[in-house]
PDB file of all heavy atoms in Angstrom:
ATOM      1  N   ARG A   1      99.151  80.539  56.594  1.00  0.00           N
ATOM      2  CA  ARG A   1      99.002  82.052  56.968  1.00  0.00           C
ATOM      3  C   ARG A   1     100.289  82.769  56.500  1.00  0.00           C
ATOM      4  O   ARG A   1     100.589  83.832  57.047  1.00  0.00           O
ATOM      5  CB  ARG A   1      98.995  82.164  58.377  1.00  0.00           C
ATOM      6  CG  ARG A   1      97.737  81.379  59.106  1.00  0.00           C
ATOM      7  CD  ARG A   1      96.373  82.092  58.828  1.00  0.00           C
ATOM      8  NE  ARG A   1      96.283  83.305  59.418  1.00  0.00           N
ATOM      9  CZ  ARG A   1      95.867  83.485  60.612  1.00  0.00           C
ATOM     10  NH1 ARG A   1      95.609  82.495  61.458  1.00  0.00           N
ATOM     11  NH2 ARG A   1      95.825  84.760  61.132  1.00  0.00           N
ATOM     12  N   ALA A   2     100.910  82.349  55.521  1.00  0.00           N
ATOM     13  CA  ALA A   2     102.278  82.967  55.020  1.00  0.00           C
ATOM     14  C   ALA A   2     102.023  84.393  54.685  1.00  0.00           C
ATOM     15  O   ALA A   2     101.003  84.770  54.062  1.00  0.00           O
ATOM     16  CB  ALA A   2     102.705  82.246  53.640  1.00  0.00           C
ATOM     17  N   GLY A   3     102.940  85.210  55.211  1.00  0.00           N
ATOM     18  CA  GLY A   3     102.824  86.666  54.983  1.00  0.00           C
ATOM     19  C   GLY A   3     102.159  87.430  56.076  1.00  0.00           C
ATOM     20  O   GLY A   3     102.288  88.564  56.213  1.00  0.00           O
ATOM     21  N   GLU A   4     101.531  86.628  56.869  1.00  0.00           N
ATOM     22  CA  GLU A   4     100.710  87.232  57.981  1.00  0.00           C
ATOM     23  C   GLU A   4     101.343  87.002  59.305  1.00  0.00           C
ATOM     24  O   GLU A   4     102.102  86.038  59.518  1.00  0.00           O
ATOM     25  CB  GLU A   4      99.329  86.515  58.111  1.00  0.00           C
ATOM     26  CG  GLU A   4      98.471  86.591  56.961  1.00  0.00           C
ATOM     27  CD  GLU A   4      97.059  85.856  57.150  1.00  0.00           C
ATOM     28  OE1 GLU A   4      96.639  85.754  58.265  1.00  0.00           O
ATOM     29  OE2 GLU A   4      96.486  85.359  56.224  1.00  0.00           O
ATOM     30  N   THR A   5     101.250  87.963  60.242  1.00  0.00           N
ATOM     31  CA  THR A   5     101.748  87.868  61.578  1.00  0.00           C
ATOM     32  C   THR A   5     100.694  86.999  62.541  1.00  0.00           C
ATOM     33  O   THR A   5      99.631  87.514  62.619  1.00  0.00           O
ATOM     34  CB  THR A   5     102.079  89.155  62.255  1.00  0.00           C
ATOM     35  OG1 THR A   5     103.016  89.876  61.389  1.00  0.00           O
ATOM     36  CG2 THR A   5     102.652  89.065  63.669  1.00  0.00           C
ATOM     37  N   VAL A   6     101.194  85.956  63.065  1.00  0.00           N
ATOM     38  CA  VAL A   6     100.298  85.203  63.997  1.00  0.00           C
ATOM     39  C   VAL A   6     100.950  85.284  65.487  1.00  0.00           C
ATOM     40  O   VAL A   6     102.094  85.087  65.655  1.00  0.00           O
ATOM     41  CB  VAL A   6     100.084  83.729  63.450  1.00  0.00           C
ATOM     42  CG1 VAL A   6      99.362  83.653  62.085  1.00  0.00           C
ATOM     43  CG2 VAL A   6     101.495  83.141  63.292  1.00  0.00           C
ATOM     44  N   SER A   7      99.974  85.390  66.299  1.00  0.00           N
ATOM     45  CA  SER A   7     100.517  85.499  67.784  1.00  0.00           C
ATOM     46  C   SER A   7     100.783  84.075  68.301  1.00  0.00           C
ATOM     47  O   SER A   7     100.452  83.100  67.838  1.00  0.00           O
ATOM     48  CB  SER A   7      99.393  86.190  68.575  1.00  0.00           C
ATOM     49  OG  SER A   7      98.273  85.408  68.618  1.00  0.00           O
ATOM     50  N   LYS A   8     101.507  84.098  69.424  1.00  0.00           N
ATOM     51  CA  LYS A   8     101.692  82.904  70.343  1.00  0.00           C
ATOM     52  C   LYS A   8     100.362  82.238  70.557  1.00  0.00           C
ATOM     53  O   LYS A   8     100.185  80.986  70.417  1.00  0.00           O
ATOM     54  CB  LYS A   8     102.487  83.106  71.553  1.00  0.00           C
ATOM     55  CG  LYS A   8     104.032  83.477  71.167  1.00  0.00           C
ATOM     56  CD  LYS A   8     104.632  83.443  72.486  1.00  0.00           C
ATOM     57  CE  LYS A   8     106.268  83.643  72.404  1.00  0.00           C
ATOM     58  NZ  LYS A   8     106.855  83.647  73.709  1.00  0.00           N
ATOM     59  N   ALA A   9      99.384  83.103  70.961  1.00  0.00           N
ATOM     60  CA  ALA A   9      98.136  82.583  71.355  1.00  0.00           C
ATOM     61  C   ALA A   9      97.454  81.786  70.187  1.00  0.00           C
ATOM     62  O   ALA A   9      96.863  80.778  70.324  1.00  0.00           O
ATOM     63  CB  ALA A   9      97.274  83.703  71.937  1.00  0.00           C
ATOM     64  N   ASP A  10      97.495  82.387  69.014  1.00  0.00           N
ATOM     65  CA  ASP A  10      96.899  81.778  67.814  1.00  0.00           C
ATOM     66  C   ASP A  10      97.651  80.475  67.476  1.00  0.00           C
ATOM     67  O   ASP A  10      96.891  79.445  67.229  1.00  0.00           O
ATOM     68  CB  ASP A  10      97.127  82.742  66.607  1.00  0.00           C
ATOM     69  CG  ASP A  10      96.167  83.922  66.578  1.00  0.00           C
ATOM     70  OD1 ASP A  10      95.156  83.829  67.239  1.00  0.00           O
ATOM     71  OD2 ASP A  10      96.484  84.877  65.924  1.00  0.00           O
ATOM     72  N   ILE A  11      98.938  80.446  67.646  1.00  0.00           N
ATOM     73  CA  ILE A  11      99.687  79.270  67.331  1.00  0.00           C
ATOM     74  C   ILE A  11      99.278  78.091  68.358  1.00  0.00           C
ATOM     75  O   ILE A  11      99.149  76.995  67.946  1.00  0.00           O
ATOM     76  CB  ILE A  11     101.153  79.488  67.291  1.00  0.00           C
ATOM     77  CG1 ILE A  11     101.568  80.364  66.189  1.00  0.00           C
ATOM     78  CG2 ILE A  11     102.007  78.195  67.250  1.00  0.00           C
ATOM     79  CD1 ILE A  11     102.972  80.870  66.121  1.00  0.00           C
ATOM     80  N   LEU A  12      99.232  78.595  69.668  1.00  0.00           N
ATOM     81  CA  LEU A  12      98.823  77.450  70.578  1.00  0.00           C
ATOM     82  C   LEU A  12      97.536  77.021  70.466  1.00  0.00           C
ATOM     83  O   LEU A  12      97.270  75.749  70.518  1.00  0.00           O
ATOM     84  CB  LEU A  12      98.939  78.118  72.042  1.00  0.00           C
ATOM     85  CG  LEU A  12     100.363  78.408  72.664  1.00  0.00           C
ATOM     86  CD1 LEU A  12     100.201  79.233  73.883  1.00  0.00           C
ATOM     87  CD2 LEU A  12     100.981  77.084  72.943  1.00  0.00           C
ATOM     88  N   HIS A  13      96.519  77.800  70.053  1.00  0.00           N
ATOM     89  CA  HIS A  13      95.199  77.416  69.794  1.00  0.00           C
ATOM     90  C   HIS A  13      95.186  76.349  68.603  1.00  0.00           C
ATOM     91  O   HIS A  13      94.440  75.453  68.654  1.00  0.00           O
ATOM     92  CB  HIS A  13      94.353  78.567  69.569  1.00  0.00           C
ATOM     93  CG  HIS A  13      92.894  78.207  69.307  1.00  0.00           C
ATOM     94  ND1 HIS A  13      92.064  78.070  70.297  1.00  0.00           N
ATOM     95  CD2 HIS A  13      92.239  78.053  68.110  1.00  0.00           C
ATOM     96  CE1 HIS A  13      90.807  77.823  69.823  1.00  0.00           C
ATOM     97  NE2 HIS A  13      90.888  77.812  68.514  1.00  0.00           N
ATOM     98  N   HIS A  14      95.908  76.652  67.551  1.00  0.00           N
ATOM     99  CA  HIS A  14      95.755  75.873  66.284  1.00  0.00           C
ATOM    100  C   HIS A  14      96.703  74.698  66.180  1.00  0.00           C
ATOM    101  O   HIS A  14      96.342  73.644  65.616  1.00  0.00           O
ATOM    102  CB  HIS A  14      96.013  76.776  65.069  1.00  0.00           C
ATOM    103  CG  HIS A  14      94.822  77.734  64.848  1.00  0.00           C
ATOM    104  ND1 HIS A  14      93.644  77.394  64.203  1.00  0.00           N
ATOM    105  CD2 HIS A  14      94.643  78.994  65.180  1.00  0.00           C
ATOM    106  CE1 HIS A  14      92.848  78.396  64.153  1.00  0.00           C
ATOM    107  NE2 HIS A  14      93.449  79.475  64.755  1.00  0.00           N
ATOM    108  N   VAL A  15      97.862  74.783  66.837  1.00  0.00           N
ATOM    109  CA  VAL A  15      98.873  73.761  66.766  1.00  0.00           C
ATOM    110  C   VAL A  15      99.018  72.826  67.905  1.00  0.00           C
ATOM    111  O   VAL A  15      99.268  71.703  67.815  1.00  0.00           O
ATOM    112  CB  VAL A  15     100.337  74.425  66.497  1.00  0.00           C
ATOM    113  CG1 VAL A  15     101.384  73.379  66.332  1.00  0.00           C
ATOM    114  CG2 VAL A  15     100.234  75.288  65.141  1.00  0.00           C
ATOM    115  N   TRP A  16      98.615  73.485  69.200  1.00  0.00           N
ATOM    116  CA  TRP A  16      98.682  72.606  70.375  1.00  0.00           C
ATOM    117  C   TRP A  16      97.119  72.217  70.610  1.00  0.00           C
ATOM    118  O   TRP A  16      96.658  71.223  70.259  1.00  0.00           O
ATOM    119  CB  TRP A  16      99.333  73.337  71.397  1.00  0.00           C
ATOM    120  CG  TRP A  16     100.824  73.088  71.541  1.00  0.00           C
ATOM    121  CD1 TRP A  16     101.462  72.214  72.357  1.00  0.00           C
ATOM    122  CD2 TRP A  16     101.782  73.714  70.760  1.00  0.00           C
ATOM    123  NE1 TRP A  16     102.698  72.170  72.116  1.00  0.00           N
ATOM    124  CE2 TRP A  16     103.097  73.144  71.144  1.00  0.00           C
ATOM    125  CE3 TRP A  16     101.849  74.753  69.752  1.00  0.00           C
ATOM    126  CZ2 TRP A  16     104.270  73.497  70.595  1.00  0.00           C
ATOM    127  CZ3 TRP A  16     102.916  75.140  69.108  1.00  0.00           C
ATOM    128  CH2 TRP A  16     104.190  74.436  69.608  1.00  0.00           C
ATOM    129  N   ASP A  17      96.613  73.068  71.333  1.00  0.00           N
ATOM    130  CA  ASP A  17      95.164  72.727  71.809  1.00  0.00           C
ATOM    131  C   ASP A  17      94.453  74.034  72.216  1.00  0.00           C
ATOM    132  O   ASP A  17      95.015  74.905  72.869  1.00  0.00           O
ATOM    133  CB  ASP A  17      95.223  71.687  73.010  1.00  0.00           C
ATOM    134  CG  ASP A  17      93.776  71.320  73.409  1.00  0.00           C
ATOM    135  OD1 ASP A  17      93.164  71.977  74.139  1.00  0.00           O
ATOM    136  OD2 ASP A  17      93.343  70.188  72.918  1.00  0.00           O
ATOM    137  N   ALA A  18      93.124  74.066  71.925  1.00  0.00           N
ATOM    138  CA  ALA A  18      92.356  75.219  72.306  1.00  0.00           C
ATOM    139  C   ALA A  18      92.369  75.403  73.739  1.00  0.00           C
ATOM    140  O   ALA A  18      92.220  76.627  74.251  1.00  0.00           O
ATOM    141  CB  ALA A  18      90.885  75.181  71.809  1.00  0.00           C
ATOM    142  N   HIS A  19      92.588  74.470  74.521  1.00  0.00           N
ATOM    143  CA  HIS A  19      92.504  74.585  76.042  1.00  0.00           C
ATOM    144  C   HIS A  19      93.886  74.382  76.618  1.00  0.00           C
ATOM    145  O   HIS A  19      94.076  73.986  77.804  1.00  0.00           O
ATOM    146  CB  HIS A  19      91.500  73.524  76.630  1.00  0.00           C
ATOM    147  CG  HIS A  19      90.164  73.689  75.980  1.00  0.00           C
ATOM    148  ND1 HIS A  19      89.287  74.742  76.252  1.00  0.00           N
ATOM    149  CD2 HIS A  19      89.449  72.890  75.133  1.00  0.00           C
ATOM    150  CE1 HIS A  19      88.217  74.676  75.498  1.00  0.00           C
ATOM    151  NE2 HIS A  19      88.280  73.482  74.830  1.00  0.00           N
ATOM    152  N   TYR A  20      95.062  74.617  75.824  1.00  0.00           N
ATOM    153  CA  TYR A  20      96.295  74.354  76.274  1.00  0.00           C
ATOM    154  C   TYR A  20      96.595  75.337  77.504  1.00  0.00           C
ATOM    155  O   TYR A  20      96.334  76.487  77.440  1.00  0.00           O
ATOM    156  CB  TYR A  20      97.401  74.591  75.174  1.00  0.00           C
ATOM    157  CG  TYR A  20      98.831  74.431  75.635  1.00  0.00           C
ATOM    158  CD1 TYR A  20      99.424  73.264  75.714  1.00  0.00           C
ATOM    159  CD2 TYR A  20      99.529  75.670  75.811  1.00  0.00           C
ATOM    160  CE1 TYR A  20     100.619  73.198  76.204  1.00  0.00           C
ATOM    161  CE2 TYR A  20     100.849  75.513  76.227  1.00  0.00           C
ATOM    162  CZ  TYR A  20     101.521  74.275  76.419  1.00  0.00           C
ATOM    163  OH  TYR A  20     102.765  74.094  76.698  1.00  0.00           O
ATOM    164  N   GLU A  21      97.151  74.755  78.587  1.00  0.00           N
ATOM    165  CA  GLU A  21      97.421  75.648  79.787  1.00  0.00           C
ATOM    166  C   GLU A  21      98.888  75.535  80.208  1.00  0.00           C
ATOM    167  O   GLU A  21      99.197  76.027  81.188  1.00  0.00           O
ATOM    168  CB  GLU A  21      96.482  75.201  80.981  1.00  0.00           C
ATOM    169  CG  GLU A  21      95.087  75.293  80.678  1.00  0.00           C
ATOM    170  CD  GLU A  21      94.173  74.879  81.765  1.00  0.00           C
ATOM    171  OE1 GLU A  21      94.723  74.295  82.807  1.00  0.00           O
ATOM    172  OE2 GLU A  21      92.871  75.233  81.709  1.00  0.00           O
ATOM    173  N   GLY A  22      99.756  75.032  79.364  1.00  0.00           N
ATOM    174  CA  GLY A  22     101.184  75.032  79.575  1.00  0.00           C
ATOM    175  C   GLY A  22     101.787  76.287  79.426  1.00  0.00           C
ATOM    176  O   GLY A  22     101.231  77.371  79.158  1.00  0.00           O
ATOM    177  N   ASP A  23     103.265  76.258  79.406  1.00  0.00           N
ATOM    178  CA  ASP A  23     103.974  77.448  79.229  1.00  0.00           C
ATOM    179  C   ASP A  23     103.991  77.938  77.673  1.00  0.00           C
ATOM    180  O   ASP A  23     104.348  77.122  76.862  1.00  0.00           O
ATOM    181  CB  ASP A  23     105.495  77.037  79.572  1.00  0.00           C
ATOM    182  CG  ASP A  23     106.393  78.253  79.658  1.00  0.00           C
ATOM    183  OD1 ASP A  23     105.936  79.216  79.137  1.00  0.00           O
ATOM    184  OD2 ASP A  23     107.491  78.266  80.126  1.00  0.00           O
ATOM    185  N   ALA A  24     103.594  79.213  77.558  1.00  0.00           N
ATOM    186  CA  ALA A  24     103.407  79.655  76.233  1.00  0.00           C
ATOM    187  C   ALA A  24     104.785  79.809  75.432  1.00  0.00           C
ATOM    188  O   ALA A  24     104.924  79.787  74.207  1.00  0.00           O
ATOM    189  CB  ALA A  24     102.759  81.028  76.223  1.00  0.00           C
ATOM    190  N   ASN A  25     105.870  79.715  76.260  1.00  0.00           N
ATOM    191  CA  ASN A  25     107.175  79.694  75.610  1.00  0.00           C
ATOM    192  C   ASN A  25     107.554  78.492  74.861  1.00  0.00           C
ATOM    193  O   ASN A  25     108.522  78.470  74.050  1.00  0.00           O
ATOM    194  CB  ASN A  25     108.204  79.927  76.639  1.00  0.00           C
ATOM    195  CG  ASN A  25     108.267  81.353  77.273  1.00  0.00           C
ATOM    196  OD1 ASN A  25     107.896  82.262  76.480  1.00  0.00           O
ATOM    197  ND2 ASN A  25     108.642  81.531  78.461  1.00  0.00           N
ATOM    198  N   VAL A  26     106.663  77.407  74.837  1.00  0.00           N
ATOM    199  CA  VAL A  26     106.810  76.305  74.102  1.00  0.00           C
ATOM    200  C   VAL A  26     106.818  76.670  72.667  1.00  0.00           C
ATOM    201  O   VAL A  26     107.507  76.039  71.852  1.00  0.00           O
ATOM    202  CB  VAL A  26     105.855  75.242  74.345  1.00  0.00           C
ATOM    203  CG1 VAL A  26     104.387  75.671  74.016  1.00  0.00           C
ATOM    204  CG2 VAL A  26     106.237  73.837  73.782  1.00  0.00           C
ATOM    205  N   VAL A  27     106.051  77.637  72.275  1.00  0.00           N
ATOM    206  CA  VAL A  27     105.975  78.135  70.873  1.00  0.00           C
ATOM    207  C   VAL A  27     107.409  78.592  70.422  1.00  0.00           C
ATOM    208  O   VAL A  27     107.916  78.298  69.243  1.00  0.00           O
ATOM    209  CB  VAL A  27     105.024  79.349  70.634  1.00  0.00           C
ATOM    210  CG1 VAL A  27     105.072  79.821  69.328  1.00  0.00           C
ATOM    211  CG2 VAL A  27     103.589  78.773  71.041  1.00  0.00           C
ATOM    212  N   GLU A  28     108.045  79.372  71.266  1.00  0.00           N
ATOM    213  CA  GLU A  28     109.382  79.932  70.954  1.00  0.00           C
ATOM    214  C   GLU A  28     110.395  78.808  70.762  1.00  0.00           C
ATOM    215  O   GLU A  28     111.199  78.892  69.867  1.00  0.00           O
ATOM    216  CB  GLU A  28     109.871  80.876  72.044  1.00  0.00           C
ATOM    217  CG  GLU A  28     111.209  81.626  71.737  1.00  0.00           C
ATOM    218  CD  GLU A  28     111.488  82.557  72.840  1.00  0.00           C
ATOM    219  OE1 GLU A  28     110.607  82.963  73.767  1.00  0.00           O
ATOM    220  OE2 GLU A  28     112.740  82.920  73.013  1.00  0.00           O
ATOM    221  N   VAL A  29     110.274  77.793  71.640  1.00  0.00           N
ATOM    222  CA  VAL A  29     111.120  76.618  71.552  1.00  0.00           C
ATOM    223  C   VAL A  29     110.992  75.853  70.201  1.00  0.00           C
ATOM    224  O   VAL A  29     111.849  75.568  69.461  1.00  0.00           O
ATOM    225  CB  VAL A  29     110.906  75.580  72.628  1.00  0.00           C
ATOM    226  CG1 VAL A  29     111.713  74.284  72.462  1.00  0.00           C
ATOM    227  CG2 VAL A  29     111.242  76.206  74.106  1.00  0.00           C
ATOM    228  N   TYR A  30     109.761  75.717  69.869  1.00  0.00           N
ATOM    229  CA  TYR A  30     109.497  74.937  68.471  1.00  0.00           C
ATOM    230  C   TYR A  30     109.780  75.773  67.354  1.00  0.00           C
ATOM    231  O   TYR A  30     110.146  75.143  66.240  1.00  0.00           O
ATOM    232  CB  TYR A  30     108.004  74.385  68.534  1.00  0.00           C
ATOM    233  CG  TYR A  30     108.015  73.156  69.159  1.00  0.00           C
ATOM    234  CD1 TYR A  30     107.855  72.879  70.571  1.00  0.00           C
ATOM    235  CD2 TYR A  30     108.011  71.881  68.475  1.00  0.00           C
ATOM    236  CE1 TYR A  30     107.869  71.686  71.104  1.00  0.00           C
ATOM    237  CE2 TYR A  30     107.985  70.630  69.061  1.00  0.00           C
ATOM    238  CZ  TYR A  30     107.957  70.493  70.395  1.00  0.00           C
ATOM    239  OH  TYR A  30     107.902  69.307  70.881  1.00  0.00           O
ATOM    240  N   VAL A  31     109.614  77.130  67.384  1.00  0.00           N
ATOM    241  CA  VAL A  31     109.980  77.976  66.290  1.00  0.00           C
ATOM    242  C   VAL A  31     111.605  77.859  66.063  1.00  0.00           C
ATOM    243  O   VAL A  31     112.041  77.716  65.059  1.00  0.00           O
ATOM    244  CB  VAL A  31     109.617  79.435  66.563  1.00  0.00           C
ATOM    245  CG1 VAL A  31     110.359  80.353  65.560  1.00  0.00           C
ATOM    246  CG2 VAL A  31     108.114  79.620  66.358  1.00  0.00           C
ATOM    247  N   GLY A  32     112.316  77.703  67.304  1.00  0.00           N
ATOM    248  CA  GLY A  32     113.770  77.499  67.172  1.00  0.00           C
ATOM    249  C   GLY A  32     114.098  76.191  66.496  1.00  0.00           C
ATOM    250  O   GLY A  32     114.922  76.169  65.690  1.00  0.00           O
ATOM    251  N   TYR A  33     113.387  75.117  66.926  1.00  0.00           N
ATOM    252  CA  TYR A  33     113.510  73.936  66.203  1.00  0.00           C
ATOM    253  C   TYR A  33     113.308  73.982  64.695  1.00  0.00           C
ATOM    254  O   TYR A  33     114.184  73.418  63.903  1.00  0.00           O
ATOM    255  CB  TYR A  33     112.660  72.796  66.653  1.00  0.00           C
ATOM    256  CG  TYR A  33     112.891  72.341  68.184  1.00  0.00           C
ATOM    257  CD1 TYR A  33     111.764  71.911  68.997  1.00  0.00           C
ATOM    258  CD2 TYR A  33     114.099  72.616  68.791  1.00  0.00           C
ATOM    259  CE1 TYR A  33     111.918  71.532  70.252  1.00  0.00           C
ATOM    260  CE2 TYR A  33     114.226  72.204  70.107  1.00  0.00           C
ATOM    261  CZ  TYR A  33     113.137  71.715  70.939  1.00  0.00           C
ATOM    262  OH  TYR A  33     113.381  71.369  72.186  1.00  0.00           O
ATOM    263  N   LEU A  34     112.293  74.691  64.328  1.00  0.00           N
ATOM    264  CA  LEU A  34     111.962  74.768  62.983  1.00  0.00           C
ATOM    265  C   LEU A  34     113.013  75.519  62.123  1.00  0.00           C
ATOM    266  O   LEU A  34     113.401  75.090  60.991  1.00  0.00           O
ATOM    267  CB  LEU A  34     110.591  75.486  62.762  1.00  0.00           C
ATOM    268  CG  LEU A  34     109.745  75.171  61.628  1.00  0.00           C
ATOM    269  CD1 LEU A  34     109.445  73.708  61.411  1.00  0.00           C
ATOM    270  CD2 LEU A  34     108.370  75.944  61.819  1.00  0.00           C
ATOM    271  N   ARG A  35     113.428  76.596  62.734  1.00  0.00           N
ATOM    272  CA  ARG A  35     114.499  77.387  62.076  1.00  0.00           C
ATOM    273  C   ARG A  35     115.843  76.676  61.769  1.00  0.00           C
ATOM    274  O   ARG A  35     116.430  76.744  60.634  1.00  0.00           O
ATOM    275  CB  ARG A  35     114.836  78.664  62.882  1.00  0.00           C
ATOM    276  CG  ARG A  35     113.739  79.815  62.869  1.00  0.00           C
ATOM    277  CD  ARG A  35     113.998  80.849  63.852  1.00  0.00           C
ATOM    278  NE  ARG A  35     113.205  82.086  63.645  1.00  0.00           N
ATOM    279  CZ  ARG A  35     112.915  82.889  64.715  1.00  0.00           C
ATOM    280  NH1 ARG A  35     113.397  82.627  65.848  1.00  0.00           N
ATOM    281  NH2 ARG A  35     112.222  83.873  64.277  1.00  0.00           N
TER     282      ARG A  35
END
């Protein structure tokens, strides 16, 4: 999705699980790891 803005919800749905019910801040944590 390069060049597109993707929401935390989109990332959780596609990278974690469609039914993920944990802390959405996990996305921020992994973005930090990636950077």
